[in-house]
Amino acid sequence: MHMRTFDFMRYNMKQKPNMQESRKRLFGKDHEHYHLIFDDNPLPMWFFDPETLKFLDVNKAAIKKYGYSSDEFFNMTIADIRPPEDIGRLVETVKTRQGLQNTGEWKHILKDGTIIQVDITSEMLLINGKKIILAAIHDITRHKLTENELRDSLDRFHQTIENMMEGYQIIGFDWRYLY
């Protein structure tokens, strides 16, 4: 199992009054690098505890996309942004994951109740002997809608062709018969 280890930080899961304190405990004097790599990343990202599923930190893009403040995220778990039917799969995925992996497509619920479809890539990290997971979230909602519209259009096209009363031929630009 491949895990990145960070020995330069002091990390205590039990005493975190807020997100800023959590960052300082996670990254110590390397907080500036953390800010550039994590907080200003254009993709929504977060750290969470694989045992409790609690959010440990979220970046600006996650706050903007999901509509929750950092303090609201800090008091939530990753299960809180999932529909109930996905919780079992979520728990099983977190339990069995290792190293860097794409955990696939999921549904997430924004603060306003909107459900989006996302693709998640995550990495298991080891900080002073404590496992945490970094997740990068890619919203694929628009892509999925376009895919479904294309599929529906193709189905309508095939249905129209199949139900024509007269004969038909479809010829490609190279004069070969296609249909």
N, C-alpha and C. Protein backbone atom coordinates (compact mmCIF):
# COMPACT_ATOMS: atom_id res chain seq x y z
N MET A 1 0.85 -1.17 0.00
CA MET A 1 0.00 0.00 0.00
C MET A 1 0.89 1.24 0.00
N HIS A 2 0.63 2.15 -0.94
CA HIS A 2 1.41 3.37 -1.05
C HIS A 2 0.69 4.50 -0.33
N MET A 3 1.38 5.13 0.60
CA MET A 3 0.84 6.27 1.31
C MET A 3 1.92 7.31 1.43
N ARG A 4 1.56 8.56 1.21
CA ARG A 4 2.53 9.63 1.43
C ARG A 4 2.59 9.93 2.91
N THR A 5 3.80 10.12 3.41
CA THR A 5 4.00 10.39 4.83
C THR A 5 4.59 11.77 5.01
N PHE A 6 4.02 12.53 5.94
CA PHE A 6 4.53 13.85 6.25
C PHE A 6 4.96 13.85 7.71
N ASP A 7 6.28 13.85 7.95
CA ASP A 7 6.79 13.83 9.32
C ASP A 7 6.97 15.24 9.87
N PHE A 8 6.89 16.27 9.00
CA PHE A 8 7.18 17.62 9.43
C PHE A 8 6.02 18.29 10.14
N MET A 9 4.90 17.62 10.29
CA MET A 9 3.76 18.26 10.90
C MET A 9 3.33 17.61 12.20
N ARG A 10 2.69 18.41 12.99
CA ARG A 10 2.12 17.92 14.24
C ARG A 10 0.62 17.92 14.05
N TYR A 11 0.01 16.80 14.31
CA TYR A 11 -1.42 16.67 14.00
C TYR A 11 -2.14 16.04 15.17
N ASN A 12 -3.20 16.69 15.63
CA ASN A 12 -4.00 16.17 16.74
C ASN A 12 -5.46 16.25 16.35
N MET A 13 -6.11 15.10 16.16
CA MET A 13 -7.50 15.05 15.69
C MET A 13 -8.51 15.54 16.73
N LYS A 14 -8.18 15.46 18.00
CA LYS A 14 -9.17 15.71 19.04
C LYS A 14 -9.34 17.20 19.37
N GLN A 15 -8.32 18.01 19.15
CA GLN A 15 -8.39 19.40 19.57
C GLN A 15 -8.27 20.33 18.38
N LYS A 16 -9.39 20.61 17.71
CA LYS A 16 -9.39 21.51 16.58
C LYS A 16 -10.53 22.51 16.73
N PRO A 17 -10.27 23.71 17.24
CA PRO A 17 -11.36 24.64 17.42
C PRO A 17 -11.96 25.16 16.12
N ASN A 18 -11.16 25.24 15.03
CA ASN A 18 -11.70 25.70 13.76
C ASN A 18 -10.79 25.27 12.61
N MET A 19 -11.20 25.64 11.40
CA MET A 19 -10.48 25.23 10.21
C MET A 19 -9.07 25.82 10.16
N GLN A 20 -8.90 27.08 10.56
CA GLN A 20 -7.57 27.70 10.52
C GLN A 20 -6.60 26.98 11.46
N GLU A 21 -7.05 26.64 12.65
CA GLU A 21 -6.21 25.89 13.58
C GLU A 21 -5.85 24.53 13.01
N SER A 22 -6.82 23.90 12.35
CA SER A 22 -6.57 22.60 11.74
C SER A 22 -5.46 22.71 10.70
N ARG A 23 -5.50 23.74 9.88
CA ARG A 23 -4.46 23.93 8.86
C ARG A 23 -3.09 24.10 9.49
N LYS A 24 -3.04 24.91 10.53
CA LYS A 24 -1.75 25.13 11.19
C LYS A 24 -1.22 23.84 11.80
N ARG A 25 -2.09 23.05 12.37
CA ARG A 25 -1.65 21.78 12.95
C ARG A 25 -1.23 20.79 11.86
N LEU A 26 -1.95 20.80 10.74
CA LEU A 26 -1.62 19.88 9.65
C LEU A 26 -0.29 20.25 9.00
N PHE A 27 -0.10 21.53 8.73
CA PHE A 27 1.03 21.91 7.88
C PHE A 27 2.06 22.81 8.53
N GLY A 28 1.85 23.20 9.77
CA GLY A 28 2.85 23.98 10.49
C GLY A 28 3.38 25.16 9.69
N LYS A 29 4.71 25.28 9.65
CA LYS A 29 5.32 26.42 8.96
C LYS A 29 5.19 26.33 7.44
N ASP A 30 4.78 25.21 6.92
CA ASP A 30 4.59 25.06 5.48
C ASP A 30 3.20 25.53 5.04
N HIS A 31 2.55 26.28 5.89
CA HIS A 31 1.19 26.77 5.62
C HIS A 31 1.12 27.56 4.31
N GLU A 32 2.16 28.32 3.96
CA GLU A 32 2.16 29.11 2.73
C GLU A 32 2.08 28.21 1.50
N HIS A 33 2.85 27.12 1.49
CA HIS A 33 2.80 26.19 0.36
C HIS A 33 1.43 25.53 0.29
N TYR A 34 0.91 25.20 1.43
CA TYR A 34 -0.43 24.61 1.52
C TYR A 34 -1.46 25.54 0.89
N HIS A 35 -1.35 26.81 1.21
CA HIS A 35 -2.29 27.80 0.68
C HIS A 35 -2.27 27.80 -0.85
N LEU A 36 -1.07 27.81 -1.42
CA LEU A 36 -0.95 27.86 -2.88
C LEU A 36 -1.44 26.58 -3.55
N ILE A 37 -1.08 25.44 -3.00
CA ILE A 37 -1.39 24.16 -3.63
C ILE A 37 -2.82 23.72 -3.37
N PHE A 38 -3.31 23.92 -2.18
CA PHE A 38 -4.63 23.42 -1.80
C PHE A 38 -5.70 24.49 -1.87
N ASP A 39 -5.54 25.53 -1.10
CA ASP A 39 -6.62 26.50 -0.93
C ASP A 39 -6.96 27.24 -2.22
N ASP A 40 -5.97 27.56 -3.04
CA ASP A 40 -6.21 28.28 -4.28
C ASP A 40 -6.40 27.37 -5.49
N ASN A 41 -6.48 26.07 -5.27
CA ASN A 41 -6.71 25.14 -6.38
C ASN A 41 -8.10 25.39 -6.95
N PRO A 42 -8.25 25.42 -8.28
CA PRO A 42 -9.57 25.69 -8.86
C PRO A 42 -10.57 24.53 -8.72
N LEU A 43 -10.09 23.34 -8.40
CA LEU A 43 -10.99 22.21 -8.18
C LEU A 43 -11.40 22.15 -6.71
N PRO A 44 -12.68 21.86 -6.42
CA PRO A 44 -13.04 21.64 -5.02
C PRO A 44 -12.23 20.48 -4.45
N MET A 45 -11.67 20.70 -3.27
CA MET A 45 -10.85 19.69 -2.61
C MET A 45 -11.11 19.74 -1.12
N TRP A 46 -10.90 18.59 -0.46
CA TRP A 46 -10.98 18.56 0.99
C TRP A 46 -10.15 17.43 1.55
N PHE A 47 -9.82 17.58 2.82
CA PHE A 47 -9.23 16.53 3.62
C PHE A 47 -10.32 16.01 4.53
N PHE A 48 -10.36 14.68 4.73
CA PHE A 48 -11.30 14.14 5.70
C PHE A 48 -10.68 12.96 6.43
N ASP A 49 -11.23 12.68 7.59
CA ASP A 49 -10.79 11.58 8.43
C ASP A 49 -11.52 10.31 7.99
N PRO A 50 -10.79 9.27 7.55
CA PRO A 50 -11.46 8.06 7.07
C PRO A 50 -12.19 7.27 8.16
N GLU A 51 -11.87 7.51 9.42
CA GLU A 51 -12.56 6.81 10.51
C GLU A 51 -13.88 7.47 10.87
N THR A 52 -13.88 8.79 10.97
CA THR A 52 -15.10 9.51 11.39
C THR A 52 -15.84 10.11 10.21
N LEU A 53 -15.19 10.20 9.04
CA LEU A 53 -15.69 10.84 7.82
C LEU A 53 -15.83 12.35 7.98
N LYS A 54 -15.32 12.93 9.07
CA LYS A 54 -15.42 14.37 9.30
C LYS A 54 -14.50 15.12 8.35
N PHE A 55 -15.01 16.26 7.84
CA PHE A 55 -14.17 17.16 7.06
C PHE A 55 -13.10 17.73 7.99
N LEU A 56 -11.86 17.72 7.53
CA LEU A 56 -10.77 18.33 8.29
C LEU A 56 -10.42 19.69 7.72
N ASP A 57 -10.57 19.85 6.42
CA ASP A 57 -10.33 21.13 5.76
C ASP A 57 -10.95 21.09 4.37
N VAL A 58 -11.35 22.24 3.87
CA VAL A 58 -11.88 22.37 2.51
C VAL A 58 -11.24 23.60 1.88
N ASN A 59 -11.13 23.60 0.56
CA ASN A 59 -10.54 24.76 -0.09
C ASN A 59 -11.63 25.75 -0.53
N LYS A 60 -11.18 26.89 -1.08
CA LYS A 60 -12.11 27.96 -1.49
C LYS A 60 -13.07 27.48 -2.57
N ALA A 61 -12.58 26.67 -3.50
CA ALA A 61 -13.44 26.19 -4.59
C ALA A 61 -14.57 25.32 -4.05
N ALA A 62 -14.32 24.53 -3.02
CA ALA A 62 -15.37 23.70 -2.42
C ALA A 62 -16.40 24.58 -1.73
N ILE A 63 -15.94 25.59 -1.02
CA ILE A 63 -16.85 26.51 -0.34
C ILE A 63 -17.75 27.20 -1.36
N LYS A 64 -17.16 27.66 -2.46
CA LYS A 64 -17.93 28.35 -3.50
C LYS A 64 -18.91 27.40 -4.20
N LYS A 65 -18.45 26.21 -4.54
CA LYS A 65 -19.29 25.26 -5.28
C LYS A 65 -20.43 24.71 -4.43
N TYR A 66 -20.14 24.34 -3.21
CA TYR A 66 -21.13 23.65 -2.37
C TYR A 66 -22.01 24.61 -1.57
N GLY A 67 -21.55 25.85 -1.35
CA GLY A 67 -22.37 26.84 -0.67
C GLY A 67 -22.27 26.85 0.85
N TYR A 68 -21.49 25.95 1.42
CA TYR A 68 -21.29 25.92 2.87
C TYR A 68 -20.08 26.77 3.24
N SER A 69 -20.09 27.37 4.42
CA SER A 69 -18.91 28.08 4.92
C SER A 69 -17.90 27.04 5.40
N SER A 70 -16.67 27.48 5.63
CA SER A 70 -15.66 26.53 6.14
C SER A 70 -16.07 26.00 7.50
N ASP A 71 -16.67 26.84 8.35
CA ASP A 71 -17.12 26.37 9.67
C ASP A 71 -18.26 25.35 9.54
N GLU A 72 -19.16 25.55 8.57
CA GLU A 72 -20.23 24.57 8.36
C GLU A 72 -19.64 23.24 7.92
N PHE A 73 -18.71 23.27 6.95
CA PHE A 73 -18.04 22.04 6.53
C PHE A 73 -17.37 21.37 7.72
N PHE A 74 -16.70 22.17 8.54
CA PHE A 74 -15.94 21.65 9.67
C PHE A 74 -16.82 20.87 10.64
N ASN A 75 -18.10 21.18 10.68
CA ASN A 75 -19.04 20.49 11.58
C ASN A 75 -19.84 19.41 10.87
N MET A 76 -19.41 19.02 9.68
CA MET A 76 -20.11 18.01 8.88
C MET A 76 -19.20 16.83 8.59
N THR A 77 -19.80 15.77 8.06
CA THR A 77 -19.04 14.64 7.54
C THR A 77 -19.27 14.58 6.03
N ILE A 78 -18.45 13.79 5.35
CA ILE A 78 -18.65 13.64 3.91
C ILE A 78 -19.96 12.92 3.60
N ALA A 79 -20.51 12.20 4.57
CA ALA A 79 -21.81 11.55 4.38
C ALA A 79 -22.94 12.58 4.34
N ASP A 80 -22.74 13.74 4.96
CA ASP A 80 -23.78 14.77 5.00
C ASP A 80 -24.06 15.39 3.64
N ILE A 81 -23.15 15.24 2.69
CA ILE A 81 -23.38 15.81 1.36
C ILE A 81 -23.74 14.73 0.34
N ARG A 82 -24.10 13.56 0.83
CA ARG A 82 -24.48 12.44 -0.03
C ARG A 82 -25.96 12.12 0.16
N PRO A 83 -26.63 11.63 -0.89
CA PRO A 83 -27.99 11.14 -0.70
C PRO A 83 -27.95 9.86 0.15
N PRO A 84 -29.01 9.58 0.91
CA PRO A 84 -29.02 8.42 1.81
C PRO A 84 -28.68 7.10 1.12
N GLU A 85 -29.11 6.93 -0.13
CA GLU A 85 -28.87 5.67 -0.82
C GLU A 85 -27.39 5.43 -1.15
N ASP A 86 -26.54 6.45 -1.04
CA ASP A 86 -25.11 6.30 -1.34
C ASP A 86 -24.24 6.06 -0.11
N ILE A 87 -24.81 6.15 1.09
CA ILE A 87 -24.02 6.07 2.31
C ILE A 87 -23.34 4.71 2.48
N GLY A 88 -24.04 3.62 2.21
CA GLY A 88 -23.43 2.29 2.32
C GLY A 88 -22.24 2.14 1.40
N ARG A 89 -22.39 2.56 0.15
CA ARG A 89 -21.29 2.50 -0.82
C ARG A 89 -20.14 3.39 -0.37
N LEU A 90 -20.46 4.56 0.18
CA LEU A 90 -19.43 5.47 0.66
C LEU A 90 -18.60 4.83 1.76
N VAL A 91 -19.25 4.28 2.76
CA VAL A 91 -18.54 3.67 3.89
C VAL A 91 -17.66 2.53 3.40
N GLU A 92 -18.17 1.69 2.52
CA GLU A 92 -17.40 0.57 1.98
C GLU A 92 -16.20 1.06 1.17
N THR A 93 -16.40 2.09 0.37
CA THR A 93 -15.31 2.63 -0.45
C THR A 93 -14.21 3.20 0.42
N VAL A 94 -14.57 3.94 1.46
CA VAL A 94 -13.57 4.52 2.35
C VAL A 94 -12.81 3.42 3.10
N LYS A 95 -13.52 2.40 3.54
CA LYS A 95 -12.89 1.30 4.28
C LYS A 95 -11.86 0.55 3.43
N THR A 96 -12.13 0.38 2.15
CA THR A 96 -11.30 -0.48 1.30
C THR A 96 -10.31 0.28 0.44
N ARG A 97 -10.26 1.57 0.54
CA ARG A 97 -9.39 2.34 -0.36
C ARG A 97 -7.94 2.33 0.10
N GLN A 98 -7.04 2.50 -0.86
CA GLN A 98 -5.61 2.55 -0.59
C GLN A 98 -4.95 3.47 -1.59
N GLY A 99 -3.97 4.24 -1.13
CA GLY A 99 -3.17 5.06 -2.02
C GLY A 99 -3.99 6.01 -2.87
N LEU A 100 -3.45 6.32 -4.03
CA LEU A 100 -4.12 7.22 -4.99
C LEU A 100 -5.09 6.41 -5.83
N GLN A 101 -6.33 6.87 -5.92
CA GLN A 101 -7.28 6.16 -6.77
C GLN A 101 -8.45 7.06 -7.16
N ASN A 102 -9.06 6.69 -8.26
CA ASN A 102 -10.30 7.32 -8.68
C ASN A 102 -11.41 6.50 -8.06
N THR A 103 -12.24 7.13 -7.24
CA THR A 103 -13.30 6.39 -6.56
C THR A 103 -14.60 6.41 -7.34
N GLY A 104 -14.57 7.00 -8.53
CA GLY A 104 -15.72 6.92 -9.43
C GLY A 104 -16.71 8.05 -9.30
N GLU A 105 -17.88 7.80 -9.89
CA GLU A 105 -18.93 8.81 -9.95
C GLU A 105 -19.83 8.72 -8.72
N TRP A 106 -20.20 9.89 -8.20
CA TRP A 106 -21.02 10.00 -7.01
C TRP A 106 -22.03 11.13 -7.19
N LYS A 107 -23.04 11.13 -6.36
CA LYS A 107 -23.97 12.26 -6.28
C LYS A 107 -23.64 13.03 -5.00
N HIS A 108 -23.59 14.35 -5.11
CA HIS A 108 -23.39 15.23 -3.97
C HIS A 108 -24.55 16.20 -3.88
N ILE A 109 -24.87 16.61 -2.67
CA ILE A 109 -25.96 17.55 -2.44
C ILE A 109 -25.37 18.89 -2.01
N LEU A 110 -25.69 19.94 -2.76
CA LEU A 110 -25.23 21.28 -2.41
C LEU A 110 -26.09 21.83 -1.27
N LYS A 111 -25.66 22.91 -0.68
CA LYS A 111 -26.39 23.50 0.44
C LYS A 111 -27.82 23.86 0.05
N ASP A 112 -28.02 24.30 -1.20
CA ASP A 112 -29.36 24.69 -1.65
C ASP A 112 -30.23 23.49 -2.04
N GLY A 113 -29.71 22.28 -1.87
CA GLY A 113 -30.47 21.07 -2.16
C GLY A 113 -30.25 20.51 -3.56
N THR A 114 -29.56 21.24 -4.41
CA THR A 114 -29.27 20.77 -5.77
C THR A 114 -28.37 19.53 -5.70
N ILE A 115 -28.71 18.53 -6.50
CA ILE A 115 -27.88 17.32 -6.58
C ILE A 115 -27.01 17.43 -7.82
N ILE A 116 -25.71 17.25 -7.62
CA ILE A 116 -24.76 17.26 -8.74
C ILE A 116 -24.09 15.90 -8.83
N GLN A 117 -23.58 15.60 -10.01
CA GLN A 117 -22.82 14.37 -10.21
C GLN A 117 -21.35 14.74 -10.26
N VAL A 118 -20.54 13.98 -9.54
CA VAL A 118 -19.12 14.29 -9.46
C VAL A 118 -18.28 13.04 -9.68
N ASP A 119 -17.06 13.27 -10.09
CA ASP A 119 -16.05 12.23 -10.20
C ASP A 119 -14.97 12.57 -9.19
N ILE A 120 -14.57 11.62 -8.37
CA ILE A 120 -13.65 11.89 -7.26
C ILE A 120 -12.35 11.12 -7.42
N THR A 121 -11.25 11.84 -7.25
CA THR A 121 -9.93 11.22 -7.16
C THR A 121 -9.41 11.55 -5.77
N SER A 122 -8.89 10.54 -5.09
CA SER A 122 -8.43 10.78 -3.72
C SER A 122 -7.12 10.06 -3.46
N GLU A 123 -6.44 10.54 -2.42
CA GLU A 123 -5.15 10.01 -2.02
C GLU A 123 -5.15 9.82 -0.51
N MET A 124 -4.72 8.65 -0.06
CA MET A 124 -4.56 8.39 1.37
C MET A 124 -3.22 8.98 1.80
N LEU A 125 -3.22 9.79 2.83
CA LEU A 125 -2.01 10.40 3.36
C LEU A 125 -1.81 9.93 4.79
N LEU A 126 -0.58 9.91 5.23
CA LEU A 126 -0.26 9.54 6.60
C LEU A 126 0.42 10.74 7.25
N ILE A 127 -0.21 11.29 8.29
CA ILE A 127 0.33 12.45 8.97
C ILE A 127 0.56 12.06 10.42
N ASN A 128 1.85 11.98 10.78
CA ASN A 128 2.23 11.57 12.15
C ASN A 128 1.49 10.32 12.60
N GLY A 129 1.42 9.35 11.72
CA GLY A 129 0.79 8.08 12.05
C GLY A 129 -0.71 8.05 11.91
N LYS A 130 -1.33 9.16 11.55
CA LYS A 130 -2.79 9.24 11.40
C LYS A 130 -3.14 9.31 9.91
N LYS A 131 -4.02 8.42 9.48
CA LYS A 131 -4.46 8.41 8.09
C LYS A 131 -5.50 9.51 7.86
N ILE A 132 -5.31 10.25 6.77
CA ILE A 132 -6.33 11.19 6.31
C ILE A 132 -6.43 11.03 4.80
N ILE A 133 -7.52 11.48 4.23
CA ILE A 133 -7.73 11.36 2.79
C ILE A 133 -7.91 12.75 2.19
N LEU A 134 -7.17 12.99 1.11
CA LEU A 134 -7.32 14.20 0.31
C LEU A 134 -8.16 13.83 -0.90
N ALA A 135 -9.26 14.55 -1.11
CA ALA A 135 -10.15 14.26 -2.24
C ALA A 135 -10.24 15.48 -3.15
N ALA A 136 -10.12 15.25 -4.46
CA ALA A 136 -10.32 16.28 -5.48
C ALA A 136 -11.61 15.94 -6.22
N ILE A 137 -12.49 16.93 -6.34
CA ILE A 137 -13.83 16.72 -6.86
C ILE A 137 -13.97 17.38 -8.23
N HIS A 138 -14.47 16.64 -9.20
CA HIS A 138 -14.72 17.19 -10.54
C HIS A 138 -16.21 17.07 -10.83
N ASP A 139 -16.87 18.21 -11.01
CA ASP A 139 -18.30 18.23 -11.29
C ASP A 139 -18.52 17.79 -12.73
N ILE A 140 -19.24 16.67 -12.91
CA ILE A 140 -19.50 16.13 -14.25
C ILE A 140 -20.99 16.23 -14.60
N THR A 141 -21.73 17.04 -13.87
CA THR A 141 -23.17 17.15 -14.08
C THR A 141 -23.49 17.56 -15.52
N ARG A 142 -22.87 18.62 -15.99
CA ARG A 142 -23.14 19.11 -17.34
C ARG A 142 -22.76 18.07 -18.39
N HIS A 143 -21.64 17.40 -18.17
CA HIS A 143 -21.19 16.35 -19.09
C HIS A 143 -22.23 15.22 -19.15
N LYS A 144 -22.74 14.80 -17.98
CA LYS A 144 -23.74 13.72 -17.94
C LYS A 144 -25.04 14.14 -18.60
N LEU A 145 -25.46 15.38 -18.39
CA LEU A 145 -26.69 15.86 -19.06
C LEU A 145 -26.52 15.86 -20.57
N THR A 146 -25.39 16.32 -21.05
CA THR A 146 -25.12 16.33 -22.49
C THR A 146 -25.08 14.91 -23.04
N GLU A 147 -24.46 14.01 -22.31
CA GLU A 147 -24.40 12.60 -22.72
C GLU A 147 -25.81 12.00 -22.83
N ASN A 148 -26.65 12.28 -21.86
CA ASN A 148 -28.03 11.78 -21.88
C ASN A 148 -28.84 12.38 -23.03
N GLU A 149 -28.67 13.68 -23.28
CA GLU A 149 -29.36 14.33 -24.39
C GLU A 149 -28.93 13.74 -25.72
N LEU A 150 -27.65 13.48 -25.87
CA LEU A 150 -27.13 12.87 -27.10
C LEU A 150 -27.70 11.47 -27.29
N ARG A 151 -27.74 10.69 -26.21
CA ARG A 151 -28.29 9.33 -26.27
C ARG A 151 -29.77 9.38 -26.66
N ASP A 152 -30.53 10.31 -26.07
CA ASP A 152 -31.96 10.45 -26.40
C ASP A 152 -32.14 10.84 -27.86
N SER A 153 -31.31 11.75 -28.34
CA SER A 153 -31.40 12.18 -29.73
C SER A 153 -31.10 11.03 -30.69
N LEU A 154 -30.10 10.25 -30.37
CA LEU A 154 -29.75 9.10 -31.19
C LEU A 154 -30.87 8.06 -31.18
N ASP A 155 -31.49 7.85 -30.01
CA ASP A 155 -32.63 6.93 -29.92
C ASP A 155 -33.80 7.41 -30.78
N ARG A 156 -34.08 8.72 -30.73
CA ARG A 156 -35.17 9.26 -31.56
C ARG A 156 -34.86 9.10 -33.04
N PHE A 157 -33.61 9.31 -33.42
CA PHE A 157 -33.20 9.15 -34.81
C PHE A 157 -33.41 7.70 -35.26
N HIS A 158 -32.95 6.76 -34.47
CA HIS A 158 -33.10 5.34 -34.82
C HIS A 158 -34.58 4.94 -34.87
N GLN A 159 -35.37 5.45 -33.94
CA GLN A 159 -36.80 5.14 -33.93
C GLN A 159 -37.48 5.71 -35.18
N THR A 160 -37.09 6.90 -35.59
CA THR A 160 -37.66 7.51 -36.80
C THR A 160 -37.32 6.68 -38.02
N ILE A 161 -36.06 6.29 -38.13
CA ILE A 161 -35.62 5.48 -39.27
C ILE A 161 -36.34 4.13 -39.30
N GLU A 162 -36.46 3.49 -38.15
CA GLU A 162 -37.10 2.18 -38.08
C GLU A 162 -38.59 2.22 -38.40
N ASN A 163 -39.23 3.35 -38.13
CA ASN A 163 -40.68 3.46 -38.32
C ASN A 163 -41.09 4.08 -39.65
N MET A 164 -40.12 4.34 -40.51
CA MET A 164 -40.46 4.90 -41.82
C MET A 164 -41.20 3.86 -42.66
N MET A 165 -42.23 4.32 -43.34
CA MET A 165 -43.05 3.42 -44.15
C MET A 165 -42.37 3.11 -45.49
N GLU A 166 -41.58 4.02 -45.97
CA GLU A 166 -40.93 3.83 -47.27
C GLU A 166 -39.49 3.41 -47.06
N GLY A 167 -38.87 2.95 -48.11
CA GLY A 167 -37.47 2.57 -48.04
C GLY A 167 -36.59 3.78 -47.84
N TYR A 168 -35.42 3.57 -47.38
CA TYR A 168 -34.49 4.67 -47.16
C TYR A 168 -33.08 4.13 -47.26
N GLN A 169 -32.17 5.05 -47.50
CA GLN A 169 -30.75 4.73 -47.53
C GLN A 169 -30.00 5.92 -46.96
N ILE A 170 -28.97 5.62 -46.22
CA ILE A 170 -28.09 6.68 -45.74
C ILE A 170 -26.73 6.41 -46.33
N ILE A 171 -26.22 7.41 -47.05
CA ILE A 171 -24.96 7.27 -47.76
C ILE A 171 -23.97 8.26 -47.15
N GLY A 172 -22.76 7.79 -46.86
CA GLY A 172 -21.72 8.64 -46.29
C GLY A 172 -21.10 9.53 -47.35
N PHE A 173 -20.23 10.46 -46.91
CA PHE A 173 -19.57 11.38 -47.82
C PHE A 173 -18.66 10.66 -48.82
N ASP A 174 -18.27 9.44 -48.49
CA ASP A 174 -17.43 8.67 -49.40
C ASP A 174 -18.27 7.75 -50.30
N TRP A 175 -19.58 7.97 -50.34
CA TRP A 175 -20.55 7.26 -51.16
C TRP A 175 -20.75 5.81 -50.75
N ARG A 176 -20.36 5.45 -49.54
CA ARG A 176 -20.64 4.12 -49.04
C ARG A 176 -21.96 4.15 -48.28
N TYR A 177 -22.69 3.01 -48.36
CA TYR A 177 -23.96 2.90 -47.64
C TYR A 177 -23.68 2.74 -46.14
N LEU A 178 -24.32 3.58 -45.35
CA LEU A 178 -24.16 3.51 -43.90
C LEU A 178 -25.34 2.81 -43.23
N TYR A 179 -26.52 2.97 -43.80
CA TYR A 179 -27.72 2.44 -43.16
C TYR A 179 -28.74 2.12 -44.22
